Full PDB file with SEQRES, HELIX, SHEET, SSBOND, CRYST1, ORIGX, SCALE, CONECT and MASTER records, all heavy atoms in Angstrom:
SEQRES   1 A   38  GLN ILE GLY ILE TYR ASN PRO GLY TYR VAL ARG GLY PHE          
SEQRES   2 A   38  SER ALA GLN GLU ALA GLY ASN ILE ARG LEU ASP GLY LEU          
SEQRES   3 A   38  TYR ILE ASP GLN GLN ALA THR PHE THR ASP ARG ALA              
SHEET    1 AA1 2 ARG A  22  LEU A  23  0                                        
SHEET    2 AA1 2 LEU A  26  TYR A  27 -1                                        
CRYST1    1.000    1.000    1.000  90.00  90.00  90.00 P 1           1          
ORIGX1      1.000000  0.000000  0.000000        0.00000                         
ORIGX2      0.000000  1.000000  0.000000        0.00000                         
ORIGX3      0.000000  0.000000  1.000000        0.00000                         
SCALE1      1.000000  0.000000  0.000000        0.00000                         
SCALE2      0.000000  1.000000  0.000000        0.00000                         
SCALE3      0.000000  0.000000  1.000000        0.00000                         
ATOM      1  N   GLN A   1     109.590  93.116  80.289  1.00  0.00           N  
ATOM      2  CA  GLN A   1     110.490  92.439  79.427  1.00  0.00           C  
ATOM      3  C   GLN A   1     111.110  93.493  78.491  1.00  0.00           C  
ATOM      4  O   GLN A   1     110.405  94.375  78.013  1.00  0.00           O  
ATOM      5  CB  GLN A   1     109.820  91.363  78.600  1.00  0.00           C  
ATOM      6  CG  GLN A   1     110.689  90.717  77.622  1.00  0.00           C  
ATOM      7  CD  GLN A   1     110.275  89.358  77.224  1.00  0.00           C  
ATOM      8  OE1 GLN A   1     109.465  88.695  77.938  1.00  0.00           O  
ATOM      9  NE2 GLN A   1     110.778  88.792  76.179  1.00  0.00           N  
ATOM     10  N   ILE A   2     112.433  93.427  78.240  1.00  0.00           N  
ATOM     11  CA  ILE A   2     113.124  94.288  77.337  1.00  0.00           C  
ATOM     12  C   ILE A   2     113.977  93.455  76.380  1.00  0.00           C  
ATOM     13  O   ILE A   2     114.205  92.314  76.597  1.00  0.00           O  
ATOM     14  CB  ILE A   2     114.026  95.360  78.029  1.00  0.00           C  
ATOM     15  CG1 ILE A   2     115.190  94.559  78.746  1.00  0.00           C  
ATOM     16  CG2 ILE A   2     113.247  96.200  79.047  1.00  0.00           C  
ATOM     17  CD1 ILE A   2     116.294  95.518  79.240  1.00  0.00           C  
ATOM     18  N   GLY A   3     114.357  94.079  75.246  1.00  0.00           N  
ATOM     19  CA  GLY A   3     115.205  93.350  74.332  1.00  0.00           C  
ATOM     20  C   GLY A   3     114.517  93.143  73.035  1.00  0.00           C  
ATOM     21  O   GLY A   3     113.249  93.223  72.902  1.00  0.00           O  
ATOM     22  N   ILE A   4     115.310  92.739  71.969  1.00  0.00           N  
ATOM     23  CA  ILE A   4     114.743  92.477  70.640  1.00  0.00           C  
ATOM     24  C   ILE A   4     114.135  91.147  70.477  1.00  0.00           C  
ATOM     25  O   ILE A   4     113.321  90.975  69.650  1.00  0.00           O  
ATOM     26  CB  ILE A   4     115.770  92.740  69.583  1.00  0.00           C  
ATOM     27  CG1 ILE A   4     117.017  91.773  69.891  1.00  0.00           C  
ATOM     28  CG2 ILE A   4     116.215  94.150  69.520  1.00  0.00           C  
ATOM     29  CD1 ILE A   4     118.095  91.833  68.758  1.00  0.00           C  
ATOM     30  N   TYR A   5     114.397  90.264  71.418  1.00  0.00           N  
ATOM     31  CA  TYR A   5     113.806  88.902  71.320  1.00  0.00           C  
ATOM     32  C   TYR A   5     112.994  88.512  72.534  1.00  0.00           C  
ATOM     33  O   TYR A   5     113.246  89.046  73.609  1.00  0.00           O  
ATOM     34  CB  TYR A   5     114.963  87.859  71.104  1.00  0.00           C  
ATOM     35  CG  TYR A   5     115.717  88.014  69.864  1.00  0.00           C  
ATOM     36  CD1 TYR A   5     117.158  87.704  69.805  1.00  0.00           C  
ATOM     37  CD2 TYR A   5     115.131  88.405  68.640  1.00  0.00           C  
ATOM     38  CE1 TYR A   5     117.884  87.826  68.615  1.00  0.00           C  
ATOM     39  CE2 TYR A   5     115.848  88.570  67.505  1.00  0.00           C  
ATOM     40  CZ  TYR A   5     117.236  88.318  67.506  1.00  0.00           C  
ATOM     41  OH  TYR A   5     118.041  88.396  66.330  1.00  0.00           O  
ATOM     42  N   ASN A   6     112.129  87.546  72.343  1.00  0.00           N  
ATOM     43  CA  ASN A   6     111.314  86.983  73.490  1.00  0.00           C  
ATOM     44  C   ASN A   6     111.022  85.605  73.069  1.00  0.00           C  
ATOM     45  O   ASN A   6     111.275  85.127  71.951  1.00  0.00           O  
ATOM     46  CB  ASN A   6     110.024  87.826  73.695  1.00  0.00           C  
ATOM     47  CG  ASN A   6     109.173  87.935  72.515  1.00  0.00           C  
ATOM     48  OD1 ASN A   6     108.657  86.922  71.965  1.00  0.00           O  
ATOM     49  ND2 ASN A   6     108.923  89.126  71.945  1.00  0.00           N  
ATOM     50  N   PRO A   7     110.426  84.732  73.941  1.00  0.00           N  
ATOM     51  CA  PRO A   7     110.164  83.380  73.584  1.00  0.00           C  
ATOM     52  C   PRO A   7     109.306  83.168  72.369  1.00  0.00           C  
ATOM     53  O   PRO A   7     109.508  82.155  71.752  1.00  0.00           O  
ATOM     54  CB  PRO A   7     109.395  82.786  74.866  1.00  0.00           C  
ATOM     55  CG  PRO A   7     109.854  83.666  75.922  1.00  0.00           C  
ATOM     56  CD  PRO A   7     110.087  85.047  75.348  1.00  0.00           C  
ATOM     57  N   GLY A   8     108.532  84.147  71.975  1.00  0.00           N  
ATOM     58  CA  GLY A   8     107.685  84.039  70.743  1.00  0.00           C  
ATOM     59  C   GLY A   8     108.361  84.571  69.463  1.00  0.00           C  
ATOM     60  O   GLY A   8     107.826  84.365  68.366  1.00  0.00           O  
ATOM     61  N   TYR A   9     109.525  85.224  69.580  1.00  0.00           N  
ATOM     62  CA  TYR A   9     110.220  85.744  68.449  1.00  0.00           C  
ATOM     63  C   TYR A   9     111.709  85.709  68.729  1.00  0.00           C  
ATOM     64  O   TYR A   9     112.230  86.509  69.497  1.00  0.00           O  
ATOM     65  CB  TYR A   9     109.735  87.130  68.135  1.00  0.00           C  
ATOM     66  CG  TYR A   9     110.276  87.757  66.923  1.00  0.00           C  
ATOM     67  CD1 TYR A   9     109.641  87.533  65.679  1.00  0.00           C  
ATOM     68  CD2 TYR A   9     111.480  88.443  66.889  1.00  0.00           C  
ATOM     69  CE1 TYR A   9     110.199  87.981  64.514  1.00  0.00           C  
ATOM     70  CE2 TYR A   9     112.041  88.980  65.769  1.00  0.00           C  
ATOM     71  CZ  TYR A   9     111.370  88.734  64.527  1.00  0.00           C  
ATOM     72  OH  TYR A   9     111.949  89.244  63.385  1.00  0.00           O  
ATOM     73  N   VAL A  10     112.443  84.877  67.963  1.00  0.00           N  
ATOM     74  CA  VAL A  10     113.852  84.836  67.998  1.00  0.00           C  
ATOM     75  C   VAL A  10     114.337  84.695  66.508  1.00  0.00           C  
ATOM     76  O   VAL A  10     114.145  83.634  65.923  1.00  0.00           O  
ATOM     77  CB  VAL A  10     114.378  83.698  68.807  1.00  0.00           C  
ATOM     78  CG1 VAL A  10     115.905  83.763  68.929  1.00  0.00           C  
ATOM     79  CG2 VAL A  10     113.819  83.616  70.204  1.00  0.00           C  
ATOM     80  N   ARG A  11     115.076  85.676  66.050  1.00  0.00           N  
ATOM     81  CA  ARG A  11     115.599  85.561  64.679  1.00  0.00           C  
ATOM     82  C   ARG A  11     114.506  85.294  63.612  1.00  0.00           C  
ATOM     83  O   ARG A  11     114.701  84.594  62.656  1.00  0.00           O  
ATOM     84  CB  ARG A  11     116.689  84.558  64.613  1.00  0.00           C  
ATOM     85  CG  ARG A  11     118.011  84.996  65.377  1.00  0.00           C  
ATOM     86  CD  ARG A  11     119.076  83.973  65.385  1.00  0.00           C  
ATOM     87  NE  ARG A  11     120.262  84.503  66.011  1.00  0.00           N  
ATOM     88  CZ  ARG A  11     121.348  83.745  66.285  1.00  0.00           C  
ATOM     89  NH1 ARG A  11     121.382  82.445  65.926  1.00  0.00           N  
ATOM     90  NH2 ARG A  11     122.417  84.238  66.851  1.00  0.00           N  
ATOM     91  N   GLY A  12     113.284  85.762  63.883  1.00  0.00           N  
ATOM     92  CA  GLY A  12     112.167  85.533  62.995  1.00  0.00           C  
ATOM     93  C   GLY A  12     111.361  84.315  63.290  1.00  0.00           C  
ATOM     94  O   GLY A  12     110.341  84.137  62.614  1.00  0.00           O  
ATOM     95  N   PHE A  13     111.742  83.489  64.267  1.00  0.00           N  
ATOM     96  CA  PHE A  13     110.986  82.242  64.653  1.00  0.00           C  
ATOM     97  C   PHE A  13     110.590  82.342  66.089  1.00  0.00           C  
ATOM     98  O   PHE A  13     110.951  83.217  66.817  1.00  0.00           O  
ATOM     99  CB  PHE A  13     111.920  81.062  64.344  1.00  0.00           C  
ATOM    100  CG  PHE A  13     112.273  80.881  62.970  1.00  0.00           C  
ATOM    101  CD1 PHE A  13     113.661  81.172  62.521  1.00  0.00           C  
ATOM    102  CD2 PHE A  13     111.408  80.412  61.988  1.00  0.00           C  
ATOM    103  CE1 PHE A  13     114.101  80.966  61.297  1.00  0.00           C  
ATOM    104  CE2 PHE A  13     111.769  80.352  60.638  1.00  0.00           C  
ATOM    105  CZ  PHE A  13     113.080  80.559  60.216  1.00  0.00           C  
ATOM    106  N   SER A  14     109.879  81.295  66.491  1.00  0.00           N  
ATOM    107  CA  SER A  14     109.443  81.222  67.856  1.00  0.00           C  
ATOM    108  C   SER A  14     110.119  80.072  68.593  1.00  0.00           C  
ATOM    109  O   SER A  14     109.999  78.900  68.136  1.00  0.00           O  
ATOM    110  CB  SER A  14     107.850  80.923  67.922  1.00  0.00           C  
ATOM    111  OG  SER A  14     107.443  80.602  69.251  1.00  0.00           O  
ATOM    112  N   ALA A  15     110.900  80.430  69.645  1.00  0.00           N  
ATOM    113  CA  ALA A  15     111.543  79.445  70.374  1.00  0.00           C  
ATOM    114  C   ALA A  15     110.578  78.611  71.129  1.00  0.00           C  
ATOM    115  O   ALA A  15     110.746  77.377  71.487  1.00  0.00           O  
ATOM    116  CB  ALA A  15     112.547  80.030  71.372  1.00  0.00           C  
ATOM    117  N   GLN A  16     109.428  79.212  71.560  1.00  0.00           N  
ATOM    118  CA  GLN A  16     108.418  78.481  72.283  1.00  0.00           C  
ATOM    119  C   GLN A  16     107.733  77.454  71.458  1.00  0.00           C  
ATOM    120  O   GLN A  16     107.567  76.354  71.857  1.00  0.00           O  
ATOM    121  CB  GLN A  16     107.366  79.519  72.802  1.00  0.00           C  
ATOM    122  CG  GLN A  16     106.282  78.959  73.649  1.00  0.00           C  
ATOM    123  CD  GLN A  16     105.413  80.060  74.243  1.00  0.00           C  
ATOM    124  OE1 GLN A  16     105.918  80.999  74.945  1.00  0.00           O  
ATOM    125  NE2 GLN A  16     104.172  79.967  74.121  1.00  0.00           N  
ATOM    126  N   GLU A  17     107.335  77.851  70.203  1.00  0.00           N  
ATOM    127  CA  GLU A  17     106.794  76.983  69.288  1.00  0.00           C  
ATOM    128  C   GLU A  17     107.757  75.723  68.941  1.00  0.00           C  
ATOM    129  O   GLU A  17     107.356  74.560  68.761  1.00  0.00           O  
ATOM    130  CB  GLU A  17     106.298  77.538  68.027  1.00  0.00           C  
ATOM    131  CG  GLU A  17     105.055  78.411  68.135  1.00  0.00           C  
ATOM    132  CD  GLU A  17     104.588  79.012  66.820  1.00  0.00           C  
ATOM    133  OE1 GLU A  17     105.430  78.965  65.851  1.00  0.00           O  
ATOM    134  OE2 GLU A  17     103.475  79.444  66.721  1.00  0.00           O  
ATOM    135  N   ALA A  18     109.039  76.019  68.886  1.00  0.00           N  
ATOM    136  CA  ALA A  18     110.036  75.086  68.498  1.00  0.00           C  
ATOM    137  C   ALA A  18     110.340  74.113  69.683  1.00  0.00           C  
ATOM    138  O   ALA A  18     111.010  73.101  69.434  1.00  0.00           O  
ATOM    139  CB  ALA A  18     111.383  75.742  68.072  1.00  0.00           C  
ATOM    140  N   GLY A  19     109.854  74.414  70.849  1.00  0.00           N  
ATOM    141  CA  GLY A  19     110.146  73.559  72.043  1.00  0.00           C  
ATOM    142  C   GLY A  19     111.437  73.777  72.705  1.00  0.00           C  
ATOM    143  O   GLY A  19     111.977  72.942  73.373  1.00  0.00           O  
ATOM    144  N   ASN A  20     112.004  74.979  72.431  1.00  0.00           N  
ATOM    145  CA  ASN A  20     113.308  75.310  73.065  1.00  0.00           C  
ATOM    146  C   ASN A  20     113.256  76.043  74.315  1.00  0.00           C  
ATOM    147  O   ASN A  20     113.835  77.168  74.511  1.00  0.00           O  
ATOM    148  CB  ASN A  20     114.140  76.055  71.960  1.00  0.00           C  
ATOM    149  CG  ASN A  20     114.442  75.307  70.764  1.00  0.00           C  
ATOM    150  OD1 ASN A  20     114.454  74.030  70.740  1.00  0.00           O  
ATOM    151  ND2 ASN A  20     114.668  75.986  69.638  1.00  0.00           N  
ATOM    152  N   ILE A  21     112.499  75.498  75.294  1.00  0.00           N  
ATOM    153  CA  ILE A  21     112.308  76.093  76.545  1.00  0.00           C  
ATOM    154  C   ILE A  21     113.163  75.332  77.593  1.00  0.00           C  
ATOM    155  O   ILE A  21     113.244  74.137  77.599  1.00  0.00           O  
ATOM    156  CB  ILE A  21     110.826  76.085  76.984  1.00  0.00           C  
ATOM    157  CG1 ILE A  21     109.998  76.752  75.939  1.00  0.00           C  
ATOM    158  CG2 ILE A  21     110.684  76.740  78.385  1.00  0.00           C  
ATOM    159  CD1 ILE A  21     110.245  78.203  75.674  1.00  0.00           C  
ATOM    160  N   ARG A  22     113.879  76.094  78.493  1.00  0.00           N  
ATOM    161  CA  ARG A  22     114.668  75.498  79.521  1.00  0.00           C  
ATOM    162  C   ARG A  22     114.148  76.085  80.859  1.00  0.00           C  
ATOM    163  O   ARG A  22     113.801  77.314  80.934  1.00  0.00           O  
ATOM    164  CB  ARG A  22     116.109  75.722  79.379  1.00  0.00           C  
ATOM    165  CG  ARG A  22     116.699  75.180  77.990  1.00  0.00           C  
ATOM    166  CD  ARG A  22     116.660  73.684  77.862  1.00  0.00           C  
ATOM    167  NE  ARG A  22     117.263  73.236  76.698  1.00  0.00           N  
ATOM    168  CZ  ARG A  22     116.602  72.989  75.595  1.00  0.00           C  
ATOM    169  NH1 ARG A  22     115.298  73.138  75.518  1.00  0.00           N  
ATOM    170  NH2 ARG A  22     117.250  72.547  74.486  1.00  0.00           N  
ATOM    171  N   LEU A  23     114.184  75.333  81.839  1.00  0.00           N  
ATOM    172  CA  LEU A  23     113.798  75.685  83.201  1.00  0.00           C  
ATOM    173  C   LEU A  23     115.067  75.421  84.108  1.00  0.00           C  
ATOM    174  O   LEU A  23     115.414  74.206  84.273  1.00  0.00           O  
ATOM    175  CB  LEU A  23     112.520  75.025  83.780  1.00  0.00           C  
ATOM    176  CG  LEU A  23     112.003  75.512  85.044  1.00  0.00           C  
ATOM    177  CD1 LEU A  23     111.689  77.010  85.078  1.00  0.00           C  
ATOM    178  CD2 LEU A  23     110.738  74.684  85.425  1.00  0.00           C  
ATOM    179  N   ASP A  24     115.620  76.532  84.668  1.00  0.00           N  
ATOM    180  CA  ASP A  24     116.944  76.281  85.390  1.00  0.00           C  
ATOM    181  C   ASP A  24     117.933  75.539  84.525  1.00  0.00           C  
ATOM    182  O   ASP A  24     118.713  74.678  85.083  1.00  0.00           O  
ATOM    183  CB  ASP A  24     116.623  75.587  86.691  1.00  0.00           C  
ATOM    184  CG  ASP A  24     116.331  76.636  87.821  1.00  0.00           C  
ATOM    185  OD1 ASP A  24     116.056  77.816  87.477  1.00  0.00           O  
ATOM    186  OD2 ASP A  24     116.210  76.229  89.010  1.00  0.00           O  
ATOM    187  N   GLY A  25     117.909  75.835  83.228  1.00  0.00           N  
ATOM    188  CA  GLY A  25     118.902  75.156  82.352  1.00  0.00           C  
ATOM    189  C   GLY A  25     118.592  73.723  81.876  1.00  0.00           C  
ATOM    190  O   GLY A  25     119.306  73.191  81.032  1.00  0.00           O  
ATOM    191  N   LEU A  26     117.415  73.202  82.305  1.00  0.00           N  
ATOM    192  CA  LEU A  26     117.021  71.836  82.008  1.00  0.00           C  
ATOM    193  C   LEU A  26     115.904  71.797  81.064  1.00  0.00           C  
ATOM    194  O   LEU A  26     114.990  72.737  81.114  1.00  0.00           O  
ATOM    195  CB  LEU A  26     116.745  71.048  83.207  1.00  0.00           C  
ATOM    196  CG  LEU A  26     117.916  70.777  84.168  1.00  0.00           C  
ATOM    197  CD1 LEU A  26     117.466  70.307  85.511  1.00  0.00           C  
ATOM    198  CD2 LEU A  26     119.015  69.963  83.501  1.00  0.00           C  
ATOM    199  N   TYR A  27     115.831  70.837  80.141  1.00  0.00           N  
ATOM    200  CA  TYR A  27     114.673  70.641  79.197  1.00  0.00           C  
ATOM    201  C   TYR A  27     113.350  70.526  79.834  1.00  0.00           C  
ATOM    202  O   TYR A  27     113.161  69.687  80.670  1.00  0.00           O  
ATOM    203  CB  TYR A  27     115.087  69.564  78.247  1.00  0.00           C  
ATOM    204  CG  TYR A  27     113.904  69.203  77.300  1.00  0.00           C  
ATOM    205  CD1 TYR A  27     113.689  70.071  76.198  1.00  0.00           C  
ATOM    206  CD2 TYR A  27     113.129  68.082  77.466  1.00  0.00           C  
ATOM    207  CE1 TYR A  27     112.628  69.764  75.369  1.00  0.00           C  
ATOM    208  CE2 TYR A  27     112.139  67.786  76.678  1.00  0.00           C  
ATOM    209  CZ  TYR A  27     111.851  68.594  75.560  1.00  0.00           C  
ATOM    210  OH  TYR A  27     110.770  68.307  74.738  1.00  0.00           O  
ATOM    211  N   ILE A  28     112.361  71.366  79.321  1.00  0.00           N  
ATOM    212  CA  ILE A  28     110.984  71.090  79.654  1.00  0.00           C  
ATOM    213  C   ILE A  28     110.166  71.165  78.402  1.00  0.00           C  
ATOM    214  O   ILE A  28     110.354  72.154  77.615  1.00  0.00           O  
ATOM    215  CB  ILE A  28     110.546  72.037  80.794  1.00  0.00           C  
ATOM    216  CG1 ILE A  28     108.956  71.826  81.065  1.00  0.00           C  
ATOM    217  CG2 ILE A  28     110.803  73.557  80.327  1.00  0.00           C  
ATOM    218  CD1 ILE A  28     108.519  72.727  82.231  1.00  0.00           C  
ATOM    219  N   ASP A  29     109.179  70.307  78.224  1.00  0.00           N  
ATOM    220  CA  ASP A  29     108.292  70.421  77.102  1.00  0.00           C  
ATOM    221  C   ASP A  29     107.069  71.225  77.575  1.00  0.00           C  
ATOM    222  O   ASP A  29     106.086  70.735  78.108  1.00  0.00           O  
ATOM    223  CB  ASP A  29     107.808  68.962  76.690  1.00  0.00           C  
ATOM    224  CG  ASP A  29     106.912  68.988  75.534  1.00  0.00           C  
ATOM    225  OD1 ASP A  29     106.984  69.908  74.701  1.00  0.00           O  
ATOM    226  OD2 ASP A  29     106.151  68.055  75.327  1.00  0.00           O  
ATOM    227  N   GLN A  30     107.169  72.505  77.490  1.00  0.00           N  
ATOM    228  CA  GLN A  30     106.220  73.488  78.104  1.00  0.00           C  
ATOM    229  C   GLN A  30     104.867  73.441  77.270  1.00  0.00           C  
ATOM    230  O   GLN A  30     104.902  73.770  76.053  1.00  0.00           O  
ATOM    231  CB  GLN A  30     106.794  74.832  78.174  1.00  0.00           C  
ATOM    232  CG  GLN A  30     105.830  75.867  78.780  1.00  0.00           C  
ATOM    233  CD  GLN A  30     106.228  77.265  78.516  1.00  0.00           C  
ATOM    234  OE1 GLN A  30     107.048  77.605  77.668  1.00  0.00           O  
ATOM    235  NE2 GLN A  30     105.614  78.203  79.295  1.00  0.00           N  
ATOM    236  N   GLN A  31     103.802  73.116  77.957  1.00  0.00           N  
ATOM    237  CA  GLN A  31     102.422  73.154  77.356  1.00  0.00           C  
ATOM    238  C   GLN A  31     101.688  74.382  77.990  1.00  0.00           C  
ATOM    239  O   GLN A  31     100.735  74.861  77.362  1.00  0.00           O  
ATOM    240  CB  GLN A  31     101.738  71.806  77.554  1.00  0.00           C  
ATOM    241  CG  GLN A  31     102.457  70.669  76.958  1.00  0.00           C  
ATOM    242  CD  GLN A  31     102.712  70.785  75.508  1.00  0.00           C  
ATOM    243  OE1 GLN A  31     101.788  71.028  74.738  1.00  0.00           O  
ATOM    244  NE2 GLN A  31     104.010  70.637  75.094  1.00  0.00           N  
ATOM    245  N   ALA A  32     101.981  74.669  79.189  1.00  0.00           N  
ATOM    246  CA  ALA A  32     101.264  75.617  79.935  1.00  0.00           C  
ATOM    247  C   ALA A  32     102.053  76.864  80.325  1.00  0.00           C  
ATOM    248  O   ALA A  32     103.202  76.854  80.495  1.00  0.00           O  
ATOM    249  CB  ALA A  32     100.703  75.016  81.220  1.00  0.00           C  
ATOM    250  N   THR A  33     101.404  78.034  80.346  1.00  0.00           N  
ATOM    251  CA  THR A  33     102.015  79.283  80.642  1.00  0.00           C  
ATOM    252  C   THR A  33     102.601  79.185  82.034  1.00  0.00           C  
ATOM    253  O   THR A  33     101.976  78.754  82.985  1.00  0.00           O  
ATOM    254  CB  THR A  33     100.918  80.367  80.571  1.00  0.00           C  
ATOM    255  OG1 THR A  33     100.404  80.401  79.290  1.00  0.00           O  
ATOM    256  CG2 THR A  33     101.519  81.718  80.941  1.00  0.00           C  
ATOM    257  N   PHE A  34     103.789  79.794  82.161  1.00  0.00           N  
ATOM    258  CA  PHE A  34     104.367  80.036  83.428  1.00  0.00           C  
ATOM    259  C   PHE A  34     103.774  81.150  84.149  1.00  0.00           C  
ATOM    260  O   PHE A  34     103.355  82.161  83.505  1.00  0.00           O  
ATOM    261  CB  PHE A  34     105.830  80.182  83.376  1.00  0.00           C  
ATOM    262  CG  PHE A  34     106.676  79.022  82.935  1.00  0.00           C  
ATOM    263  CD1 PHE A  34     107.627  79.092  81.886  1.00  0.00           C  
ATOM    264  CD2 PHE A  34     106.426  77.714  83.496  1.00  0.00           C  
ATOM    265  CE1 PHE A  34     108.368  77.989  81.490  1.00  0.00           C  
ATOM    266  CE2 PHE A  34     107.230  76.671  83.050  1.00  0.00           C  
ATOM    267  CZ  PHE A  34     108.182  76.746  82.027  1.00  0.00           C  
ATOM    268  N   THR A  35     103.700  81.161  85.516  1.00  0.00           N  
ATOM    269  CA  THR A  35     103.330  82.294  86.242  1.00  0.00           C  
ATOM    270  C   THR A  35     104.498  82.935  87.008  1.00  0.00           C  
ATOM    271  O   THR A  35     105.442  82.171  87.383  1.00  0.00           O  
ATOM    272  CB  THR A  35     102.181  81.936  87.201  1.00  0.00           C  
ATOM    273  OG1 THR A  35     102.045  83.021  88.198  1.00  0.00           O  
ATOM    274  CG2 THR A  35     102.556  80.687  88.050  1.00  0.00           C  
ATOM    275  N   ASP A  36     104.527  84.202  87.196  1.00  0.00           N  
ATOM    276  CA  ASP A  36     105.529  84.893  87.941  1.00  0.00           C  
ATOM    277  C   ASP A  36     105.533  84.439  89.498  1.00  0.00           C  
ATOM    278  O   ASP A  36     106.537  84.667  90.212  1.00  0.00           O  
ATOM    279  CB  ASP A  36     105.340  86.398  87.957  1.00  0.00           C  
ATOM    280  CG  ASP A  36     105.772  86.988  86.593  1.00  0.00           C  
ATOM    281  OD1 ASP A  36     106.728  86.345  86.010  1.00  0.00           O  
ATOM    282  OD2 ASP A  36     105.248  88.046  86.220  1.00  0.00           O  
ATOM    283  N   ARG A  37     104.516  83.693  89.875  1.00  0.00           N  
ATOM    284  CA  ARG A  37     104.548  83.197  91.241  1.00  0.00           C  
ATOM    285  C   ARG A  37     105.643  82.136  91.439  1.00  0.00           C  
ATOM    286  O   ARG A  37     106.232  81.905  92.406  1.00  0.00           O  
ATOM    287  CB  ARG A  37     103.179  82.476  91.584  1.00  0.00           C  
ATOM    288  CG  ARG A  37     101.945  83.314  91.438  1.00  0.00           C  
ATOM    289  CD  ARG A  37     101.819  84.383  92.560  1.00  0.00           C  
ATOM    290  NE  ARG A  37     102.748  85.438  92.392  1.00  0.00           N  
ATOM    291  CZ  ARG A  37     102.728  86.389  91.409  1.00  0.00           C  
ATOM    292  NH1 ARG A  37     101.823  86.384  90.506  1.00  0.00           N  
ATOM    293  NH2 ARG A  37     103.645  87.333  91.392  1.00  0.00           N  
ATOM    294  N   ALA A  38     106.066  81.490  90.208  1.00  0.00           N  
ATOM    295  CA  ALA A  38     107.095  80.380  90.242  1.00  0.00           C  
ATOM    296  C   ALA A  38     108.271  80.804  89.501  1.00  0.00           C  
ATOM    297  O   ALA A  38     109.398  80.138  89.607  1.00  0.00           O  
ATOM    298  CB  ALA A  38     106.553  79.107  89.617  1.00  0.00           C  
TER     299      ALA A  38                                                      
MASTER        0    0    0    0    2    0    0    6  298    1    0    3          
END                                                                             
């Protein structure tokens, strides 16, 4: 991973904690860690 932001830190907040996760552009309420297998 490169860049100034990641799911745990965006503009000083966490997109992951906020529930702003998308999978192929669609909303998912992520509770579990994704694996690189998928």
